[in-house]
Every structure is written in C-alpha cells, then in structure tokens.
N, C-alpha and C. Protein backbone atom coordinates (compact mmCIF):
# COMPACT_ATOMS: atom_id res chain seq x y z
N MET A 1 0.85 -1.18 -0.03
CA MET A 1 -0.04 -0.08 0.04
C MET A 1 0.97 1.24 -0.05
N ARG A 2 0.62 2.19 -0.77
CA ARG A 2 1.30 3.45 -0.93
C ARG A 2 0.71 4.37 0.14
N VAL A 3 1.65 5.11 0.92
CA VAL A 3 1.33 6.02 1.83
C VAL A 3 2.12 7.17 1.71
N PHE A 4 1.80 8.36 2.48
CA PHE A 4 2.53 9.64 2.46
C PHE A 4 3.08 9.95 3.76
N VAL A 5 4.35 10.23 3.78
CA VAL A 5 4.98 10.63 5.05
C VAL A 5 5.62 12.04 4.80
N LEU A 6 5.94 12.67 5.97
CA LEU A 6 6.66 13.93 5.87
C LEU A 6 8.10 13.88 6.13
N ILE A 7 8.85 14.44 5.17
CA ILE A 7 10.33 14.43 5.22
C ILE A 7 10.78 15.95 5.42
N PHE A 8 11.79 16.17 6.42
CA PHE A 8 12.43 17.45 6.55
C PHE A 8 13.90 17.34 6.02
N ASN A 9 14.33 18.44 5.44
CA ASN A 9 15.77 18.49 4.99
C ASN A 9 16.04 17.53 3.94
N VAL A 10 15.07 17.41 2.95
CA VAL A 10 15.34 16.40 1.85
C VAL A 10 16.55 16.62 1.13
N GLY A 11 17.31 15.66 0.80
CA GLY A 11 18.66 15.73 0.07
C GLY A 11 19.80 16.29 0.83
N THR A 12 19.72 16.42 2.15
CA THR A 12 20.80 16.81 2.94
C THR A 12 21.25 15.72 3.80
N ASP A 13 22.47 16.07 4.48
CA ASP A 13 22.89 15.13 5.43
C ASP A 13 22.09 14.95 6.71
N ASN A 14 21.22 15.93 6.83
CA ASN A 14 20.38 16.03 8.03
C ASN A 14 18.84 15.69 7.71
N GLU A 15 18.65 14.86 6.65
CA GLU A 15 17.39 14.51 6.27
C GLU A 15 16.77 13.56 7.31
N GLY A 16 15.49 13.72 7.54
CA GLY A 16 14.76 13.01 8.65
C GLY A 16 13.39 12.94 8.39
N ILE A 17 12.76 12.08 8.92
CA ILE A 17 11.21 11.81 8.70
C ILE A 17 10.55 12.36 9.94
N HIS A 18 9.48 12.90 9.84
CA HIS A 18 8.62 13.61 10.81
C HIS A 18 8.01 12.44 11.81
N SER A 19 8.29 12.60 13.04
CA SER A 19 7.64 11.69 13.96
C SER A 19 7.03 12.52 15.12
N ILE A 20 6.15 11.84 15.95
CA ILE A 20 5.59 12.41 16.98
C ILE A 20 6.02 11.65 18.22
N ARG A 21 6.33 12.33 19.35
CA ARG A 21 6.79 11.65 20.50
C ARG A 21 5.41 11.22 21.37
N VAL A 22 5.25 10.01 21.70
CA VAL A 22 4.21 9.54 22.51
C VAL A 22 4.78 8.80 23.69
N GLY A 23 4.89 9.43 24.90
CA GLY A 23 5.61 8.91 26.07
C GLY A 23 6.95 8.95 25.70
N ASN A 24 7.67 7.76 25.74
CA ASN A 24 9.13 7.83 25.46
C ASN A 24 9.36 7.08 24.04
N ARG A 25 8.31 7.03 23.27
CA ARG A 25 8.50 6.46 21.93
C ARG A 25 8.15 7.40 20.85
N ASN A 26 8.63 7.18 19.72
CA ASN A 26 8.41 8.07 18.50
C ASN A 26 7.52 7.27 17.61
N LYS A 27 6.60 7.98 17.07
CA LYS A 27 5.60 7.34 16.09
C LYS A 27 5.57 8.17 14.79
N ILE A 28 5.68 7.45 13.66
CA ILE A 28 5.64 7.99 12.33
C ILE A 28 4.18 7.80 11.92
N MET A 29 3.68 8.91 11.39
CA MET A 29 2.26 8.98 10.76
C MET A 29 2.37 8.76 9.35
N MET A 30 1.66 7.74 8.76
CA MET A 30 1.67 7.23 7.46
C MET A 30 0.20 7.63 6.95
N PHE A 31 0.13 8.67 5.99
CA PHE A 31 -1.19 9.13 5.51
C PHE A 31 -1.51 8.40 4.28
N GLU A 32 -2.86 7.77 4.23
CA GLU A 32 -3.30 7.16 3.03
C GLU A 32 -3.56 8.00 1.90
N SER A 33 -3.98 9.34 2.34
CA SER A 33 -4.37 10.40 1.37
C SER A 33 -3.24 11.44 1.27
N GLU A 34 -2.84 11.79 0.03
CA GLU A 34 -1.93 12.84 -0.14
C GLU A 34 -2.58 14.23 0.33
N ASP A 35 -3.87 14.42 0.08
CA ASP A 35 -4.47 15.54 0.62
C ASP A 35 -4.45 15.79 2.09
N ASP A 36 -4.79 14.68 2.84
CA ASP A 36 -4.59 14.64 4.33
C ASP A 36 -3.22 14.96 4.72
N ALA A 37 -2.11 14.31 4.15
CA ALA A 37 -0.68 14.59 4.39
C ALA A 37 -0.39 16.17 4.09
N THR A 38 -0.93 16.65 3.05
CA THR A 38 -0.74 18.10 2.81
C THR A 38 -1.32 18.99 3.82
N ARG A 39 -2.54 18.71 4.30
CA ARG A 39 -3.24 19.45 5.26
C ARG A 39 -2.30 19.47 6.56
N PHE A 40 -1.83 18.27 6.95
CA PHE A 40 -1.14 18.15 8.13
C PHE A 40 0.09 19.08 7.91
N ALA A 41 0.76 18.88 6.92
CA ALA A 41 2.10 19.70 6.61
C ALA A 41 1.76 21.03 6.75
N LEU A 42 0.69 21.60 6.19
CA LEU A 42 0.32 22.91 6.24
C LEU A 42 0.15 23.39 7.70
N MET A 43 -0.54 22.59 8.48
CA MET A 43 -0.78 22.89 9.86
C MET A 43 0.62 22.96 10.59
N LEU A 44 1.35 22.02 10.32
CA LEU A 44 2.85 22.30 10.95
C LEU A 44 3.41 23.51 10.56
N GLU A 45 3.42 23.85 9.24
CA GLU A 45 4.07 25.28 8.81
C GLU A 45 3.40 26.34 9.71
N ALA A 46 2.05 26.31 9.70
CA ALA A 46 1.30 27.36 10.48
C ALA A 46 1.79 27.53 12.00
N GLN A 47 2.41 26.38 12.46
CA GLN A 47 2.86 26.40 13.87
C GLN A 47 4.42 26.53 13.93
N ASP A 48 5.03 27.17 12.83
CA ASP A 48 6.33 27.58 12.70
C ASP A 48 7.29 26.41 12.57
N PHE A 49 6.78 25.26 12.26
CA PHE A 49 7.64 24.13 11.79
C PHE A 49 8.27 24.48 10.48
N PRO A 50 9.43 23.93 10.24
CA PRO A 50 9.94 24.08 8.92
C PRO A 50 9.09 23.36 7.93
N THR A 51 9.24 23.77 6.57
CA THR A 51 8.39 23.15 5.55
C THR A 51 8.84 21.79 5.27
N PRO A 52 7.84 20.80 5.50
CA PRO A 52 8.19 19.38 5.18
C PRO A 52 8.01 19.14 3.70
N THR A 53 8.51 18.06 3.23
CA THR A 53 8.25 17.55 1.78
C THR A 53 7.48 16.24 2.02
N LEU A 54 6.46 16.19 1.24
CA LEU A 54 5.65 14.88 1.10
C LEU A 54 6.36 13.89 0.32
N GLU A 55 6.34 12.68 0.81
CA GLU A 55 7.12 11.57 0.11
C GLU A 55 6.07 10.41 0.11
N GLY A 56 5.74 9.94 -1.12
CA GLY A 56 5.02 8.67 -1.28
C GLY A 56 5.89 7.56 -1.20
N MET A 57 5.55 6.66 -0.33
CA MET A 57 6.33 5.43 -0.05
C MET A 57 5.49 4.23 0.09
N ASP A 58 6.10 3.01 0.02
CA ASP A 58 5.42 1.75 0.36
C ASP A 58 5.35 1.64 1.86
N ALA A 59 4.09 1.39 2.33
CA ALA A 59 3.91 1.25 3.91
C ALA A 59 4.78 0.27 4.45
N GLU A 60 5.13 -0.87 3.72
CA GLU A 60 6.01 -1.92 4.35
C GLU A 60 7.45 -1.39 4.51
N GLU A 61 7.88 -0.42 3.58
CA GLU A 61 9.20 0.06 3.78
C GLU A 61 9.27 0.97 5.05
N ILE A 62 8.24 1.66 5.24
CA ILE A 62 8.19 2.48 6.50
C ILE A 62 8.15 1.66 7.79
N LYS A 63 7.26 0.54 7.67
CA LYS A 63 7.11 -0.35 8.83
C LYS A 63 8.52 -0.95 9.09
N GLU A 64 9.25 -1.37 8.05
CA GLU A 64 10.54 -1.96 8.35
C GLU A 64 11.48 -0.95 8.86
N PHE A 65 11.51 0.27 8.39
CA PHE A 65 12.33 1.30 9.00
C PHE A 65 12.00 1.55 10.50
N CYS A 66 10.68 1.60 10.77
CA CYS A 66 10.25 1.81 12.15
C CYS A 66 10.67 0.72 13.14
N LYS A 67 10.61 -0.57 12.59
CA LYS A 67 11.03 -1.74 13.41
C LYS A 67 12.52 -1.54 13.69
N SER A 68 13.27 -1.26 12.65
CA SER A 68 14.78 -1.11 12.82
C SER A 68 15.16 -0.03 13.75
N ALA A 69 14.34 1.10 13.71
CA ALA A 69 14.75 2.34 14.62
C ALA A 69 14.11 2.33 15.91
N GLY A 70 13.18 1.27 16.16
CA GLY A 70 12.45 1.23 17.39
C GLY A 70 11.43 2.28 17.44
N PHE A 71 10.80 2.73 16.27
CA PHE A 71 9.72 3.60 16.31
C PHE A 71 8.31 2.80 16.17
N ASP A 72 7.26 3.53 16.56
CA ASP A 72 5.98 3.08 16.23
C ASP A 72 5.45 3.58 14.99
N TRP A 73 4.27 3.24 14.49
CA TRP A 73 3.71 3.84 13.27
C TRP A 73 2.21 3.76 13.48
N GLU A 74 1.66 4.68 12.67
CA GLU A 74 0.17 4.69 12.67
C GLU A 74 -0.34 5.22 11.27
N VAL A 75 -1.19 4.35 10.64
CA VAL A 75 -1.76 4.67 9.29
C VAL A 75 -2.97 5.61 9.58
N VAL A 76 -2.96 6.74 9.00
CA VAL A 76 -4.09 7.71 9.00
C VAL A 76 -4.91 7.41 7.80
N PRO A 77 -6.12 6.87 8.15
CA PRO A 77 -7.05 6.51 6.95
C PRO A 77 -7.49 7.67 6.21
N GLU A 78 -7.76 7.55 4.91
CA GLU A 78 -8.25 8.69 4.02
C GLU A 78 -9.56 9.01 4.54
N ASN A 79 -9.89 10.31 4.55
CA ASN A 79 -11.19 11.02 5.13
C ASN A 79 -11.47 10.49 6.52
N GLY A 80 -10.39 10.22 7.34
CA GLY A 80 -10.59 9.91 8.71
C GLY A 80 -10.68 11.15 9.51
N ASP A 81 -10.51 10.93 10.86
CA ASP A 81 -10.57 12.11 11.79
C ASP A 81 -9.34 12.95 11.52
N LEU A 82 -9.62 14.34 11.60
CA LEU A 82 -8.62 15.21 11.41
C LEU A 82 -7.56 15.11 12.45
N ILE A 83 -6.23 14.81 11.92
CA ILE A 83 -5.14 14.73 12.97
C ILE A 83 -4.50 16.10 13.13
N MET A 84 -4.34 16.48 14.40
CA MET A 84 -3.80 17.84 14.75
C MET A 84 -2.25 17.56 15.09
N PRO A 85 -1.42 18.39 14.44
CA PRO A 85 0.01 18.23 14.84
C PRO A 85 0.27 18.79 16.21
N PRO A 86 1.40 18.43 16.77
CA PRO A 86 1.83 19.01 18.04
C PRO A 86 1.95 20.50 17.97
N GLU A 87 1.65 21.14 19.16
CA GLU A 87 1.83 22.69 19.15
C GLU A 87 3.33 23.17 19.31
N LEU A 88 4.18 22.28 19.67
CA LEU A 88 5.65 22.73 19.94
C LEU A 88 6.58 21.77 19.35
N ASN A 89 7.69 22.28 18.98
CA ASN A 89 8.88 21.49 18.56
C ASN A 89 9.66 21.00 19.77
N VAL A 90 10.46 20.07 19.59
CA VAL A 90 11.36 19.63 20.73
C VAL A 90 12.55 20.65 20.74
N GLU A 91 13.11 20.91 21.84
CA GLU A 91 14.21 21.83 21.90
C GLU A 91 15.42 21.31 21.22
N GLU A 92 15.64 20.00 21.25
CA GLU A 92 16.87 19.32 20.53
C GLU A 92 16.34 17.98 20.11
N THR A 93 16.58 17.59 18.76
CA THR A 93 16.16 16.32 18.34
C THR A 93 17.24 15.31 18.73
N ASP A 94 16.88 14.07 18.68
CA ASP A 94 17.87 13.03 18.89
C ASP A 94 18.26 12.35 17.54
N TRP A 95 17.92 13.06 16.39
CA TRP A 95 18.25 12.53 15.06
C TRP A 95 19.73 12.91 14.87
N LYS A 96 20.48 11.85 14.55
CA LYS A 96 21.91 11.95 14.23
C LYS A 96 22.17 11.15 13.01
N PRO A 97 22.57 11.67 11.97
CA PRO A 97 22.85 10.82 10.87
C PRO A 97 24.03 9.75 11.10
N ASP A 98 24.97 10.08 11.92
CA ASP A 98 25.98 9.25 12.45
C ASP A 98 26.25 9.52 13.79
N SER A 99 27.03 8.78 14.53
CA SER A 99 27.20 8.91 15.98
C SER A 99 28.07 10.23 16.26
N GLU A 100 28.78 10.71 15.21
CA GLU A 100 29.72 11.90 15.58
C GLU A 100 28.96 13.14 15.19
N THR A 101 27.92 13.23 14.57
CA THR A 101 27.29 14.44 14.19
C THR A 101 26.21 14.83 15.27
N GLU A 102 26.41 16.17 15.55
CA GLU A 102 25.35 16.71 16.39
C GLU A 102 24.26 17.36 15.64
N ASP A 103 23.04 17.19 15.91
CA ASP A 103 21.86 17.76 15.21
C ASP A 103 21.29 18.81 16.13
N ASN A 104 21.30 19.99 15.74
CA ASN A 104 20.61 21.11 16.56
C ASN A 104 19.34 21.61 16.03
N ASP A 105 18.88 20.91 14.90
CA ASP A 105 17.54 21.40 14.39
C ASP A 105 16.39 20.87 15.13
N ASP A 106 15.51 21.74 15.65
CA ASP A 106 14.47 21.35 16.61
C ASP A 106 13.18 21.12 15.89
N SER A 107 13.18 20.52 14.72
CA SER A 107 11.91 20.55 13.89
C SER A 107 11.26 19.14 13.87
N PHE A 108 11.77 18.15 14.40
CA PHE A 108 11.29 16.77 14.14
C PHE A 108 10.05 16.37 15.02
N ARG A 109 10.09 16.59 16.30
CA ARG A 109 9.06 16.10 17.17
C ARG A 109 8.67 17.16 18.11
N PRO A 110 7.45 16.94 18.75
CA PRO A 110 6.90 17.91 19.71
C PRO A 110 7.75 17.82 20.99
N SER A 111 7.73 18.83 21.74
CA SER A 111 8.32 18.90 22.92
C SER A 111 7.65 18.15 24.04
N PRO A 112 8.31 17.69 25.08
CA PRO A 112 7.59 16.94 26.07
C PRO A 112 6.41 17.57 26.62
N ALA A 113 6.34 18.92 26.58
CA ALA A 113 5.11 19.61 27.20
C ALA A 113 3.87 19.33 26.20
N SER A 114 4.10 18.92 24.88
CA SER A 114 2.98 18.51 24.10
C SER A 114 2.59 17.12 23.97
N GLU A 115 3.26 16.29 24.77
CA GLU A 115 2.99 14.91 24.72
C GLU A 115 1.56 14.38 25.08
N THR A 116 1.01 15.25 26.01
CA THR A 116 -0.38 14.90 26.46
C THR A 116 -1.38 14.89 25.34
N VAL A 117 -2.16 13.95 25.06
CA VAL A 117 -3.09 14.00 24.09
C VAL A 117 -4.44 14.62 24.55
N GLN A 118 -5.04 15.70 24.12
CA GLN A 118 -6.15 16.25 24.63
C GLN A 118 -7.34 15.98 23.64
N GLU A 119 -8.49 15.65 24.17
CA GLU A 119 -9.76 15.42 23.41
C GLU A 119 -10.27 16.81 23.05
N ILE A 120 -10.67 16.86 21.75
CA ILE A 120 -11.23 18.03 21.24
C ILE A 120 -12.63 17.68 20.83
N PRO A 121 -13.61 18.44 21.33
CA PRO A 121 -15.05 17.96 20.90
C PRO A 121 -15.13 18.04 19.42
N ASN A 122 -16.03 17.13 18.90
CA ASN A 122 -16.29 17.04 17.56
C ASN A 122 -16.74 18.45 16.85
N SER A 123 -17.59 19.19 17.58
CA SER A 123 -18.07 20.29 17.01
C SER A 123 -16.90 21.29 16.75
N GLU A 124 -15.83 21.33 17.67
CA GLU A 124 -14.80 22.21 17.45
C GLU A 124 -13.86 21.56 16.31
N LEU A 125 -13.80 20.36 16.24
CA LEU A 125 -12.91 19.71 15.21
C LEU A 125 -13.76 20.06 13.75
N ASP A 126 -15.04 19.97 13.74
CA ASP A 126 -15.65 20.42 12.46
C ASP A 126 -15.41 21.83 12.13
N SER A 127 -15.40 22.64 13.08
CA SER A 127 -15.24 24.14 12.87
C SER A 127 -13.60 24.31 12.26
N ILE A 128 -12.69 23.63 12.90
CA ILE A 128 -11.34 23.70 12.50
C ILE A 128 -11.26 23.13 11.06
N ARG A 129 -11.85 22.06 10.82
CA ARG A 129 -11.89 21.43 9.52
C ARG A 129 -12.34 22.29 8.39
N ARG A 130 -13.51 22.96 8.64
CA ARG A 130 -14.05 24.00 7.72
C ARG A 130 -13.16 25.10 7.57
N LYS A 131 -12.56 25.62 8.56
CA LYS A 131 -11.55 26.71 8.29
C LYS A 131 -10.29 26.30 7.53
N LEU A 132 -9.74 25.08 7.81
CA LEU A 132 -8.60 24.72 6.99
C LEU A 132 -8.99 24.36 5.59
N GLU A 133 -10.10 23.80 5.35
CA GLU A 133 -10.58 23.49 3.94
C GLU A 133 -10.83 24.81 3.24
N GLY A 134 -11.26 25.91 4.00
CA GLY A 134 -11.37 27.20 3.29
C GLY A 134 -10.05 27.70 2.89
N LEU A 135 -8.94 27.32 3.47
CA LEU A 135 -7.61 27.75 3.14
C LEU A 135 -7.12 27.14 1.78
N LEU A 136 -7.64 25.96 1.51
CA LEU A 136 -7.27 25.26 0.29
C LEU A 136 -8.12 25.78 -0.83
C-alpha cells in the first residue's frame, strides 16, 4: 500500500522523517491520502515548523524502518478524523545521521510539554476542518 510521510531537509545530510513523541516512543504518521498529508504539513507550517516535503512510499518500507529504529507507526485513513500536529517542537532532536554528528535542528518532534493528548469536541474539530478547507 502506498502512503505519504513528511520528510524534513530532503537531500541533505540531516534528512529526517517527521515523528511524534508519544511517551518515550516516537511514532511515524503514514497518511493514506496525499491531501490529508498536505493538510497536516500546512498545519505544521502554520505552527512555525520548517516546511516538510511529502514523500510517497510503500507502507511496508516505513514499517521496516520503524522496526529497525524502534519507532511506532500509525496509518491515518483517508477521510478519517482530522489529525492535529503538536503545538511545539522539541528543543533538541535526537536525530543523528551518524554517531559523531550533532543535530541542533528542533523541527522533528513535539516537545515533552505537548506529549499529552487532549480530546477536542467534534463540534470544534468540524469548525477547524471547515476553516482549514477554506484555506485550500
């Protein structure tokens, strides 16, 4: 199955996939819909995250990467519930292309302060969804 993920710093030595920290684990969001991935990327940008690049990939490749890196993954179904990005970046990522390189870009995951998942009432989600769709 083809899914879409968000990649930062494409084509650089500091290229990395967007993940969300849940507890002490990292989770990669795999979007079934390119439109849903685009909306999520736009919401990240609106929250001052760097501009991510959408990358279409085979879901099995992402799952294998997650297994080897100790990450979790979640498939976001097409036309599913609106996924809200974290409000904050981490102060310092733990992404290091190799053990000698220090990565100071703070764009990959939310800070520990944003780890708590908050329930948003459906009426508020519908309102947010209408506003975001109006932007497209």
